[in-house]
Amino acid sequence: MALEKNVVVDKIEVLENGSVQVRTKTAILEDGKQISGTFHRHVVAPGDDYSAENARVQAICAATHTKAVVAAYAAEQAKNAPAEVGA
């Protein structure tokens, strides 16, 4: 009986606002057959540091997160930020 853990980015989606959603699948294999699996999702927003992401995610972020997209995302975030208390 050989157990193996396989972690792979299996889905990458680009949203309208330029955010990149990344889904990572972790599978536990016994003798080559999956016996367990989980998914984890995270988002890389325009302007975020994506240098620790896998090569495919980095390539998509580099192509998608243009200066214009980052500026538009930052402006939208600032517009939707809650007002400071006592301001």
PDB file of N, CA and C in Angstrom:
ATOM      1  N   MET A   1       0.849  -1.182   0.000  1.00  0.00           N
ATOM      2  CA  MET A   1       0.000   0.000   0.000  1.00  0.00           C
ATOM      3  C   MET A   1       0.893   1.243   0.000  1.00  0.00           C
ATOM      4  N   ALA A   2       0.841   1.989  -1.068  1.00  0.00           N
ATOM      5  CA  ALA A   2       1.619   3.222  -1.183  1.00  0.00           C
ATOM      6  C   ALA A   2       0.669   4.412  -1.190  1.00  0.00           C
ATOM      7  N   LEU A   3       0.888   5.329  -0.258  1.00  0.00           N
ATOM      8  CA  LEU A   3       0.091   6.545  -0.199  1.00  0.00           C
ATOM      9  C   LEU A   3       0.878   7.685  -0.837  1.00  0.00           C
ATOM     10  N   GLU A   4       0.146   8.525  -1.537  1.00  0.00           N
ATOM     11  CA  GLU A   4       0.757   9.663  -2.220  1.00  0.00           C
ATOM     12  C   GLU A   4      -0.157  10.866  -2.078  1.00  0.00           C
ATOM     13  N   LYS A   5       0.437  12.037  -1.854  1.00  0.00           N
ATOM     14  CA  LYS A   5      -0.321  13.284  -1.789  1.00  0.00           C
ATOM     15  C   LYS A   5      -0.006  14.081  -3.048  1.00  0.00           C
ATOM     16  N   ASN A   6      -1.048  14.477  -3.770  1.00  0.00           N
ATOM     17  CA  ASN A   6      -0.894  15.209  -5.022  1.00  0.00           C
ATOM     18  C   ASN A   6      -1.608  16.554  -4.891  1.00  0.00           C
ATOM     19  N   VAL A   7      -0.856  17.652  -5.004  1.00  0.00           N
ATOM     20  CA  VAL A   7      -1.422  18.995  -4.909  1.00  0.00           C
ATOM     21  C   VAL A   7      -1.222  19.682  -6.255  1.00  0.00           C
ATOM     22  N   VAL A   8      -2.320  20.170  -6.836  1.00  0.00           N
ATOM     23  CA  VAL A   8      -2.252  20.781  -8.162  1.00  0.00           C
ATOM     24  C   VAL A   8      -3.264  21.931  -8.261  1.00  0.00           C
ATOM     25  N   VAL A   9      -2.859  23.003  -8.951  1.00  0.00           N
ATOM     26  CA  VAL A   9      -3.796  24.080  -9.288  1.00  0.00           C
ATOM     27  C   VAL A   9      -4.618  23.563 -10.458  1.00  0.00           C
ATOM     28  N   ASP A  10      -5.910  23.341 -10.215  1.00  0.00           N
ATOM     29  CA  ASP A  10      -6.721  22.721 -11.266  1.00  0.00           C
ATOM     30  C   ASP A  10      -7.722  23.661 -11.915  1.00  0.00           C
ATOM     31  N   LYS A  11      -7.853  24.890 -11.394  1.00  0.00           N
ATOM     32  CA  LYS A  11      -8.784  25.835 -12.010  1.00  0.00           C
ATOM     33  C   LYS A  11      -8.305  27.258 -11.744  1.00  0.00           C
ATOM     34  N   ILE A  12      -8.287  28.064 -12.804  1.00  0.00           N
ATOM     35  CA  ILE A  12      -7.916  29.475 -12.704  1.00  0.00           C
ATOM     36  C   ILE A  12      -8.978  30.263 -13.456  1.00  0.00           C
ATOM     37  N   GLU A  13      -9.579  31.227 -12.780  1.00  0.00           N
ATOM     38  CA  GLU A  13     -10.638  32.034 -13.390  1.00  0.00           C
ATOM     39  C   GLU A  13     -10.308  33.511 -13.244  1.00  0.00           C
ATOM     40  N   VAL A  14     -10.567  34.289 -14.285  1.00  0.00           N
ATOM     41  CA  VAL A  14     -10.390  35.737 -14.234  1.00  0.00           C
ATOM     42  C   VAL A  14     -11.772  36.373 -14.157  1.00  0.00           C
ATOM     43  N   LEU A  15     -11.977  37.182 -13.125  1.00  0.00           N
ATOM     44  CA  LEU A  15     -13.259  37.856 -12.937  1.00  0.00           C
ATOM     45  C   LEU A  15     -13.286  39.191 -13.669  1.00  0.00           C
ATOM     46  N   GLU A  16     -14.458  39.755 -13.804  1.00  0.00           N
ATOM     47  CA  GLU A  16     -14.644  41.006 -14.545  1.00  0.00           C
ATOM     48  C   GLU A  16     -13.784  42.139 -14.002  1.00  0.00           C
ATOM     49  N   ASN A  17     -13.573  42.187 -12.678  1.00  0.00           N
ATOM     50  CA  ASN A  17     -12.791  43.271 -12.076  1.00  0.00           C
ATOM     51  C   ASN A  17     -11.281  43.015 -12.131  1.00  0.00           C
ATOM     52  N   GLY A  18     -10.859  41.913 -12.763  1.00  0.00           N
ATOM     53  CA  GLY A  18      -9.445  41.606 -12.899  1.00  0.00           C
ATOM     54  C   GLY A  18      -8.903  40.669 -11.845  1.00  0.00           C
ATOM     55  N   SER A  19      -9.704  40.354 -10.827  1.00  0.00           N
ATOM     56  CA  SER A  19      -9.263  39.403  -9.812  1.00  0.00           C
ATOM     57  C   SER A  19      -9.106  38.021 -10.437  1.00  0.00           C
ATOM     58  N   VAL A  20      -8.123  37.278  -9.945  1.00  0.00           N
ATOM     59  CA  VAL A  20      -7.866  35.931 -10.442  1.00  0.00           C
ATOM     60  C   VAL A  20      -8.177  34.948  -9.313  1.00  0.00           C
ATOM     61  N   GLN A  21      -9.168  34.079  -9.548  1.00  0.00           N
ATOM     62  CA  GLN A  21      -9.526  33.047  -8.572  1.00  0.00           C
ATOM     63  C   GLN A  21      -8.723  31.791  -8.885  1.00  0.00           C
ATOM     64  N   VAL A  22      -8.139  31.212  -7.849  1.00  0.00           N
ATOM     65  CA  VAL A  22      -7.306  30.032  -8.013  1.00  0.00           C
ATOM     66  C   VAL A  22      -7.875  28.913  -7.147  1.00  0.00           C
ATOM     67  N   ARG A  23      -8.097  27.747  -7.769  1.00  0.00           N
ATOM     68  CA  ARG A  23      -8.549  26.575  -7.005  1.00  0.00           C
ATOM     69  C   ARG A  23      -7.431  25.541  -7.004  1.00  0.00           C
ATOM     70  N   THR A  24      -7.077  25.084  -5.800  1.00  0.00           N
ATOM     71  CA  THR A  24      -6.057  24.061  -5.622  1.00  0.00           C
ATOM     72  C   THR A  24      -6.723  22.784  -5.140  1.00  0.00           C
ATOM     73  N   LYS A  25      -6.404  21.683  -5.806  1.00  0.00           N
ATOM     74  CA  LYS A  25      -6.947  20.381  -5.429  1.00  0.00           C
ATOM     75  C   LYS A  25      -5.844  19.568  -4.749  1.00  0.00           C
ATOM     76  N   THR A  26      -6.169  19.031  -3.588  1.00  0.00           N
ATOM     77  CA  THR A  26      -5.265  18.117  -2.890  1.00  0.00           C
ATOM     78  C   THR A  26      -5.913  16.745  -2.897  1.00  0.00           C
ATOM     79  N   ALA A  27      -5.231  15.774  -3.473  1.00  0.00           N
ATOM     80  CA  ALA A  27      -5.756  14.404  -3.565  1.00  0.00           C
ATOM     81  C   ALA A  27      -4.817  13.462  -2.824  1.00  0.00           C
ATOM     82  N   ILE A  28      -5.404  12.553  -2.082  1.00  0.00           N
ATOM     83  CA  ILE A  28      -4.652  11.482  -1.434  1.00  0.00           C
ATOM     84  C   ILE A  28      -4.908  10.214  -2.255  1.00  0.00           C
ATOM     85  N   LEU A  29      -3.815   9.635  -2.744  1.00  0.00           N
ATOM     86  CA  LEU A  29      -3.913   8.454  -3.597  1.00  0.00           C
ATOM     87  C   LEU A  29      -3.355   7.236  -2.866  1.00  0.00           C
ATOM     88  N   GLU A  30      -4.036   6.131  -3.029  1.00  0.00           N
ATOM     89  CA  GLU A  30      -3.556   4.841  -2.517  1.00  0.00           C
ATOM     90  C   GLU A  30      -3.390   3.923  -3.714  1.00  0.00           C
ATOM     91  N   ASP A  31      -2.167   3.531  -3.963  1.00  0.00           N
ATOM     92  CA  ASP A  31      -1.843   2.689  -5.118  1.00  0.00           C
ATOM     93  C   ASP A  31      -2.393   3.282  -6.418  1.00  0.00           C
ATOM     94  N   GLY A  32      -2.288   4.624  -6.540  1.00  0.00           N
ATOM     95  CA  GLY A  32      -2.699   5.302  -7.762  1.00  0.00           C
ATOM     96  C   GLY A  32      -4.165   5.657  -7.853  1.00  0.00           C
ATOM     97  N   LYS A  33      -4.986   5.239  -6.881  1.00  0.00           N
ATOM     98  CA  LYS A  33      -6.425   5.545  -6.890  1.00  0.00           C
ATOM     99  C   LYS A  33      -6.729   6.558  -5.796  1.00  0.00           C
ATOM    100  N   GLN A  34      -7.510   7.587  -6.172  1.00  0.00           N
ATOM    101  CA  GLN A  34      -7.847   8.627  -5.205  1.00  0.00           C
ATOM    102  C   GLN A  34      -8.761   8.073  -4.127  1.00  0.00           C
ATOM    103  N   ILE A  35      -8.371   8.280  -2.857  1.00  0.00           N
ATOM    104  CA  ILE A  35      -9.202   7.849  -1.740  1.00  0.00           C
ATOM    105  C   ILE A  35      -9.747   9.041  -0.953  1.00  0.00           C
ATOM    106  N   SER A  36      -9.204  10.228  -1.205  1.00  0.00           N
ATOM    107  CA  SER A  36      -9.659  11.434  -0.528  1.00  0.00           C
ATOM    108  C   SER A  36      -9.243  12.639  -1.358  1.00  0.00           C
ATOM    109  N   GLY A  37     -10.014  13.722  -1.232  1.00  0.00           N
ATOM    110  CA  GLY A  37      -9.660  14.935  -1.958  1.00  0.00           C
ATOM    111  C   GLY A  37     -10.322  16.149  -1.343  1.00  0.00           C
ATOM    112  N   THR A  38      -9.628  17.278  -1.400  1.00  0.00           N
ATOM    113  CA  THR A  38     -10.174  18.539  -0.915  1.00  0.00           C
ATOM    114  C   THR A  38      -9.810  19.650  -1.894  1.00  0.00           C
ATOM    115  N   PHE A  39     -10.545  20.746  -1.798  1.00  0.00           N
ATOM    116  CA  PHE A  39     -10.285  21.914  -2.632  1.00  0.00           C
ATOM    117  C   PHE A  39     -10.055  23.126  -1.734  1.00  0.00           C
ATOM    118  N   HIS A  40      -9.214  24.029  -2.199  1.00  0.00           N
ATOM    119  CA  HIS A  40      -8.980  25.302  -1.523  1.00  0.00           C
ATOM    120  C   HIS A  40      -9.002  26.388  -2.593  1.00  0.00           C
ATOM    121  N   ARG A  41      -9.672  27.485  -2.303  1.00  0.00           N
ATOM    122  CA  ARG A  41      -9.725  28.604  -3.242  1.00  0.00           C
ATOM    123  C   ARG A  41      -9.124  29.841  -2.591  1.00  0.00           C
ATOM    124  N   HIS A  42      -8.474  30.644  -3.413  1.00  0.00           N
ATOM    125  CA  HIS A  42      -8.031  31.957  -2.971  1.00  0.00           C
ATOM    126  C   HIS A  42      -8.059  32.901  -4.160  1.00  0.00           C
ATOM    127  N   VAL A  43      -8.016  34.188  -3.862  1.00  0.00           N
ATOM    128  CA  VAL A  43      -8.120  35.216  -4.893  1.00  0.00           C
ATOM    129  C   VAL A  43      -6.843  36.045  -4.909  1.00  0.00           C
ATOM    130  N   VAL A  44      -6.366  36.341  -6.104  1.00  0.00           N
ATOM    131  CA  VAL A  44      -5.257  37.268  -6.297  1.00  0.00           C
ATOM    132  C   VAL A  44      -5.872  38.530  -6.914  1.00  0.00           C
ATOM    133  N   ALA A  45      -5.946  39.582  -6.116  1.00  0.00           N
ATOM    134  CA  ALA A  45      -6.557  40.826  -6.580  1.00  0.00           C
ATOM    135  C   ALA A  45      -5.542  41.646  -7.371  1.00  0.00           C
ATOM    136  N   PRO A  46      -6.017  42.487  -8.288  1.00  0.00           N
ATOM    137  CA  PRO A  46      -5.096  43.364  -9.010  1.00  0.00           C
ATOM    138  C   PRO A  46      -4.282  44.201  -8.022  1.00  0.00           C
ATOM    139  N   GLY A  47      -2.978  44.206  -8.209  1.00  0.00           N
ATOM    140  CA  GLY A  47      -2.088  44.931  -7.311  1.00  0.00           C
ATOM    141  C   GLY A  47      -1.459  44.061  -6.236  1.00  0.00           C
ATOM    142  N   ASP A  48      -1.996  42.854  -6.018  1.00  0.00           N
ATOM    143  CA  ASP A  48      -1.415  41.930  -5.044  1.00  0.00           C
ATOM    144  C   ASP A  48      -0.084  41.384  -5.555  1.00  0.00           C
ATOM    145  N   ASP A  49       0.775  40.979  -4.629  1.00  0.00           N
ATOM    146  CA  ASP A  49       2.029  40.311  -4.984  1.00  0.00           C
ATOM    147  C   ASP A  49       1.701  38.853  -5.307  1.00  0.00           C
ATOM    148  N   TYR A  50       1.959  38.436  -6.525  1.00  0.00           N
ATOM    149  CA  TYR A  50       1.664  37.065  -6.936  1.00  0.00           C
ATOM    150  C   TYR A  50       2.931  36.262  -7.213  1.00  0.00           C
ATOM    151  N   SER A  51       4.065  36.722  -6.720  1.00  0.00           N
ATOM    152  CA  SER A  51       5.344  36.059  -6.985  1.00  0.00           C
ATOM    153  C   SER A  51       5.445  34.669  -6.372  1.00  0.00           C
ATOM    154  N   ALA A  52       4.650  34.355  -5.352  1.00  0.00           N
ATOM    155  CA  ALA A  52       4.692  33.031  -4.728  1.00  0.00           C
ATOM    156  C   ALA A  52       3.721  32.043  -5.382  1.00  0.00           C
ATOM    157  N   GLU A  53       2.946  32.513  -6.351  1.00  0.00           N
ATOM    158  CA  GLU A  53       1.980  31.640  -7.036  1.00  0.00           C
ATOM    159  C   GLU A  53       2.707  30.734  -8.022  1.00  0.00           C
ATOM    160  N   ASN A  54       2.001  29.694  -8.491  1.00  0.00           N
ATOM    161  CA  ASN A  54       2.635  28.801  -9.474  1.00  0.00           C
ATOM    162  C   ASN A  54       2.781  29.532 -10.814  1.00  0.00           C
ATOM    163  N   ALA A  55       3.560  28.976 -11.707  1.00  0.00           N
ATOM    164  CA  ALA A  55       3.936  29.654 -12.958  1.00  0.00           C
ATOM    165  C   ALA A  55       2.723  30.015 -13.818  1.00  0.00           C
ATOM    166  N   ARG A  56       1.727  29.133 -13.882  1.00  0.00           N
ATOM    167  CA  ARG A  56       0.538  29.429 -14.702  1.00  0.00           C
ATOM    168  C   ARG A  56      -0.226  30.612 -14.135  1.00  0.00           C
ATOM    169  N   VAL A  57      -0.391  30.656 -12.819  1.00  0.00           N
ATOM    170  CA  VAL A  57      -1.099  31.768 -12.173  1.00  0.00           C
ATOM    171  C   VAL A  57      -0.316  33.063 -12.374  1.00  0.00           C
ATOM    172  N   GLN A  58       0.999  33.006 -12.230  1.00  0.00           N
ATOM    173  CA  GLN A  58       1.830  34.192 -12.451  1.00  0.00           C
ATOM    174  C   GLN A  58       1.668  34.725 -13.869  1.00  0.00           C
ATOM    175  N   ALA A  59       1.646  33.838 -14.846  1.00  0.00           N
ATOM    176  CA  ALA A  59       1.504  34.262 -16.245  1.00  0.00           C
ATOM    177  C   ALA A  59       0.152  34.931 -16.483  1.00  0.00           C
ATOM    178  N   ILE A  60      -0.898  34.371 -15.913  1.00  0.00           N
ATOM    179  CA  ILE A  60      -2.236  34.950 -16.090  1.00  0.00           C
ATOM    180  C   ILE A  60      -2.328  36.294 -15.382  1.00  0.00           C
ATOM    181  N   CYS A  61      -1.782  36.386 -14.177  1.00  0.00           N
ATOM    182  CA  CYS A  61      -1.791  37.664 -13.455  1.00  0.00           C
ATOM    183  C   CYS A  61      -0.983  38.721 -14.206  1.00  0.00           C
ATOM    184  N   ALA A  62       0.167  38.341 -14.748  1.00  0.00           N
ATOM    185  CA  ALA A  62       0.996  39.290 -15.489  1.00  0.00           C
ATOM    186  C   ALA A  62       0.253  39.833 -16.708  1.00  0.00           C
ATOM    187  N   ALA A  63      -0.502  38.981 -17.366  1.00  0.00           N
ATOM    188  CA  ALA A  63      -1.251  39.403 -18.553  1.00  0.00           C
ATOM    189  C   ALA A  63      -2.500  40.200 -18.190  1.00  0.00           C
ATOM    190  N   THR A  64      -3.100  39.879 -17.062  1.00  0.00           N
ATOM    191  CA  THR A  64      -4.384  40.467 -16.672  1.00  0.00           C
ATOM    192  C   THR A  64      -4.233  41.733 -15.840  1.00  0.00           C
ATOM    193  N   HIS A  65      -3.272  41.762 -14.956  1.00  0.00           N
ATOM    194  CA  HIS A  65      -3.127  42.884 -14.024  1.00  0.00           C
ATOM    195  C   HIS A  65      -2.298  44.016 -14.646  1.00  0.00           C
ATOM    196  N   THR A  66      -2.872  44.617 -15.669  1.00  0.00           N
ATOM    197  CA  THR A  66      -2.236  45.761 -16.315  1.00  0.00           C
ATOM    198  C   THR A  66      -2.340  46.976 -15.388  1.00  0.00           C
ATOM    199  N   LYS A  67      -1.597  48.028 -15.701  1.00  0.00           N
ATOM    200  CA  LYS A  67      -1.664  49.252 -14.890  1.00  0.00           C
ATOM    201  C   LYS A  67      -3.087  49.795 -14.841  1.00  0.00           C
ATOM    202  N   ALA A  68      -3.778  49.742 -15.966  1.00  0.00           N
ATOM    203  CA  ALA A  68      -5.155  50.250 -16.028  1.00  0.00           C
ATOM    204  C   ALA A  68      -6.085  49.423 -15.153  1.00  0.00           C
ATOM    205  N   VAL A  69      -5.936  48.110 -15.168  1.00  0.00           N
ATOM    206  CA  VAL A  69      -6.784  47.225 -14.353  1.00  0.00           C
ATOM    207  C   VAL A  69      -6.505  47.454 -12.870  1.00  0.00           C
ATOM    208  N   VAL A  70      -5.228  47.564 -12.505  1.00  0.00           N
ATOM    209  CA  VAL A  70      -4.861  47.804 -11.104  1.00  0.00           C
ATOM    210  C   VAL A  70      -5.414  49.149 -10.633  1.00  0.00           C
ATOM    211  N   ALA A  71      -5.307  50.173 -11.458  1.00  0.00           N
ATOM    212  CA  ALA A  71      -5.820  51.498 -11.097  1.00  0.00           C
ATOM    213  C   ALA A  71      -7.345  51.484 -10.940  1.00  0.00           C
ATOM    214  N   ALA A  72      -8.044  50.825 -11.861  1.00  0.00           N
ATOM    215  CA  ALA A  72      -9.505  50.746 -11.783  1.00  0.00           C
ATOM    216  C   ALA A  72      -9.940  49.965 -10.547  1.00  0.00           C
ATOM    217  N   TYR A  73      -9.229  48.878 -10.237  1.00  0.00           N
ATOM    218  CA  TYR A  73      -9.560  48.074  -9.054  1.00  0.00           C
ATOM    219  C   TYR A  73      -9.340  48.902  -7.780  1.00  0.00           C
ATOM    220  N   ALA A  74      -8.215  49.613  -7.692  1.00  0.00           N
ATOM    221  CA  ALA A  74      -7.921  50.439  -6.516  1.00  0.00           C
ATOM    222  C   ALA A  74      -8.963  51.541  -6.348  1.00  0.00           C
ATOM    223  N   ALA A  75      -9.370  52.153  -7.452  1.00  0.00           N
ATOM    224  CA  ALA A  75     -10.387  53.209  -7.394  1.00  0.00           C
ATOM    225  C   ALA A  75     -11.715  52.652  -6.902  1.00  0.00           C
ATOM    226  N   GLU A  76     -12.083  51.477  -7.380  1.00  0.00           N
ATOM    227  CA  GLU A  76     -13.342  50.847  -6.953  1.00  0.00           C
ATOM    228  C   GLU A  76     -13.291  50.479  -5.468  1.00  0.00           C
ATOM    229  N   GLN A  77     -12.152  49.971  -5.016  1.00  0.00           N
ATOM    230  CA  GLN A  77     -11.997  49.629  -3.597  1.00  0.00           C
ATOM    231  C   GLN A  77     -12.087  50.881  -2.727  1.00  0.00           C
ATOM    232  N   ALA A  78     -11.459  51.969  -3.154  1.00  0.00           N
ATOM    233  CA  ALA A  78     -11.498  53.217  -2.400  1.00  0.00           C
ATOM    234  C   ALA A  78     -12.917  53.784  -2.340  1.00  0.00           C
ATOM    235  N   LYS A  79     -13.627  53.657  -3.452  1.00  0.00           N
ATOM    236  CA  LYS A  79     -15.000  54.153  -3.518  1.00  0.00           C
ATOM    237  C   LYS A  79     -15.921  53.375  -2.570  1.00  0.00           C
ATOM    238  N   ASN A  80     -15.671  52.089  -2.422  1.00  0.00           N
ATOM    239  CA  ASN A  80     -16.514  51.233  -1.601  1.00  0.00           C
ATOM    240  C   ASN A  80     -16.017  51.073  -0.159  1.00  0.00           C
ATOM    241  N   ALA A  81     -14.914  51.733   0.187  1.00  0.00           N
ATOM    242  CA  ALA A  81     -14.374  51.616   1.539  1.00  0.00           C
ATOM    243  C   ALA A  81     -15.309  52.332   2.529  1.00  0.00           C
ATOM    244  N   PRO A  82     -15.447  51.771   3.727  1.00  0.00           N
ATOM    245  CA  PRO A  82     -16.294  52.433   4.721  1.00  0.00           C
ATOM    246  C   PRO A  82     -15.669  53.761   5.157  1.00  0.00           C
ATOM    247  N   ALA A  83     -16.516  54.708   5.494  1.00  0.00           N
ATOM    248  CA  ALA A  83     -16.039  56.008   5.949  1.00  0.00           C
ATOM    249  C   ALA A  83     -15.389  55.869   7.320  1.00  0.00           C
ATOM    250  N   GLU A  84     -14.381  56.696   7.568  1.00  0.00           N
ATOM    251  CA  GLU A  84     -13.710  56.672   8.877  1.00  0.00           C
ATOM    252  C   GLU A  84     -14.649  57.213   9.937  1.00  0.00           C
ATOM    253  N   VAL A  85     -14.569  56.606  11.109  1.00  0.00           N
ATOM    254  CA  VAL A  85     -15.385  57.055  12.238  1.00  0.00           C
ATOM    255  C   VAL A  85     -14.813  58.372  12.752  1.00  0.00           C
ATOM    256  N   GLY A  86     -15.678  59.351  12.950  1.00  0.00           N
ATOM    257  CA  GLY A  86     -15.255  60.640  13.472  1.00  0.00           C
ATOM    258  C   GLY A  86     -14.694  61.575  12.416  1.00  0.00           C
ATOM    259  N   ALA A  87     -14.880  61.225  11.165  1.00  0.00           N
ATOM    260  CA  ALA A  87     -14.343  62.087  10.101  1.00  0.00           C
ATOM    261  C   ALA A  87     -15.326  63.130   9.719  1.00  0.00           C
TER     262      ALA A  87
END
